[in-house]
Amino acid sequence: MLDNVPDFIATREQADVVFEEFFKTGDLDLFSRHRQAMIDDVHRGSLAIMRGSGNELGPFEEFISALEEHGVITLDEAFALGDRYIAFKRTKAA
């Protein structure tokens, strides 16, 4: 893992480091260890239901969901990050 990416995410500043690294590299695997560490069994169950109904979240969305669940970001911040992600994907596709 990259040296500048924190191992543990407890603050918005730490989350921002992860997001900025993602927006530089586009590497969705960057979120893997943080998602696994932050998502509990209840959250995993919700994600499994979503997956089973065809509404599966991707790694970016799961990370945002975990951050919001833990109070690291607000719901408004989650939506703003989602908008940034959509813009990023559109730029990459162009």
Protein backbone atom coordinates (compact mmCIF):
# COMPACT_ATOMS: atom_id res chain seq x y z
CA MET A 1 0.00 0.00 0.00
CA LEU A 2 1.11 3.53 -0.56
CA ASP A 3 3.05 5.20 2.22
CA ASN A 4 0.95 8.36 2.22
CA VAL A 5 -2.36 6.49 2.64
CA PRO A 6 -3.25 6.01 6.32
CA ASP A 7 -3.93 2.51 7.61
CA PHE A 8 -6.79 3.64 9.81
CA ILE A 9 -9.50 6.14 8.89
CA ALA A 10 -11.05 8.03 11.80
CA THR A 11 -11.10 11.62 10.52
CA ARG A 12 -12.21 13.47 7.43
CA GLU A 13 -8.60 14.50 6.82
CA GLN A 14 -7.49 10.86 6.72
CA ALA A 15 -10.36 10.00 4.39
CA ASP A 16 -9.40 12.91 2.14
CA VAL A 17 -5.90 11.45 1.72
CA VAL A 18 -7.46 8.22 0.46
CA PHE A 19 -9.83 10.07 -1.88
CA GLU A 20 -7.08 12.28 -3.30
CA GLU A 21 -4.90 9.24 -3.97
CA PHE A 22 -7.82 7.57 -5.72
CA PHE A 23 -8.53 10.61 -7.88
CA LYS A 24 -4.83 10.66 -8.87
CA THR A 25 -4.60 6.97 -9.70
CA GLY A 26 -8.16 5.78 -10.39
CA ASP A 27 -7.30 2.58 -8.48
CA LEU A 28 -10.48 1.29 -6.80
CA ASP A 29 -8.45 -1.34 -4.93
CA LEU A 30 -7.21 1.54 -2.78
CA PHE A 31 -10.48 1.29 -0.81
CA SER A 32 -10.36 -2.48 -0.15
CA ARG A 33 -8.66 -2.70 3.23
CA HIS A 34 -10.50 0.30 4.64
CA ARG A 35 -13.89 -1.02 3.56
CA GLN A 36 -13.18 -4.41 5.09
CA ALA A 37 -12.03 -2.86 8.36
CA MET A 38 -14.88 -0.37 8.67
CA ILE A 39 -17.87 -2.49 7.68
CA ASP A 40 -19.44 -4.59 10.43
CA ASP A 41 -21.70 -7.63 10.08
CA VAL A 42 -24.92 -5.60 10.00
CA HIS A 43 -23.53 -3.36 7.26
CA ARG A 44 -22.29 -6.44 5.36
CA GLY A 45 -25.81 -7.86 5.57
CA SER A 46 -27.28 -4.70 4.09
CA LEU A 47 -24.71 -4.75 1.30
CA ALA A 48 -25.52 -8.43 0.60
CA ILE A 49 -29.23 -7.60 0.31
CA MET A 50 -28.39 -4.80 -2.11
CA ARG A 51 -26.16 -7.15 -4.12
CA GLY A 52 -28.90 -9.79 -4.23
CA SER A 53 -31.45 -7.28 -5.48
CA GLY A 54 -29.17 -6.04 -8.26
CA ASN A 55 -28.32 -2.78 -6.49
CA GLU A 56 -24.73 -3.60 -5.53
CA LEU A 57 -22.48 -0.74 -4.50
CA GLY A 58 -19.01 -0.45 -5.96
CA PRO A 59 -15.85 -0.02 -3.87
CA PHE A 60 -16.06 3.79 -3.94
CA GLU A 61 -19.68 3.83 -2.82
CA GLU A 62 -19.06 1.20 -0.11
CA PHE A 63 -16.20 3.29 1.27
CA ILE A 64 -18.38 6.41 1.33
CA SER A 65 -21.15 4.43 3.02
CA ALA A 66 -18.75 3.16 5.70
CA LEU A 67 -17.40 6.67 6.30
CA GLU A 68 -20.90 8.06 6.68
CA GLU A 69 -21.93 5.18 8.95
CA HIS A 70 -18.98 5.93 11.25
CA GLY A 71 -19.63 9.67 11.30
CA VAL A 72 -16.42 10.54 9.45
CA ILE A 73 -18.40 12.36 6.75
CA THR A 74 -21.91 13.78 6.60
CA LEU A 75 -24.57 12.66 4.17
CA ASP A 76 -24.14 15.93 2.25
CA GLU A 77 -20.40 15.27 1.99
CA ALA A 78 -21.13 11.73 0.78
CA PHE A 79 -23.33 13.10 -2.01
CA ALA A 80 -20.69 15.69 -2.94
CA LEU A 81 -18.04 12.95 -3.15
CA GLY A 82 -20.42 10.87 -5.26
CA ASP A 83 -20.84 13.80 -7.65
CA ARG A 84 -17.07 14.18 -7.85
CA TYR A 85 -16.73 10.47 -8.62
CA ILE A 86 -19.30 10.69 -11.43
CA ALA A 87 -17.44 13.67 -12.92
CA PHE A 88 -14.17 11.73 -12.62
CA LYS A 89 -15.64 8.72 -14.44
CA ARG A 90 -17.04 10.95 -17.20
CA THR A 91 -13.65 12.60 -17.67
CA LYS A 92 -11.95 9.20 -17.90
CA ALA A 93 -14.52 8.01 -20.45
CA ALA A 94 -14.11 11.08 -22.68
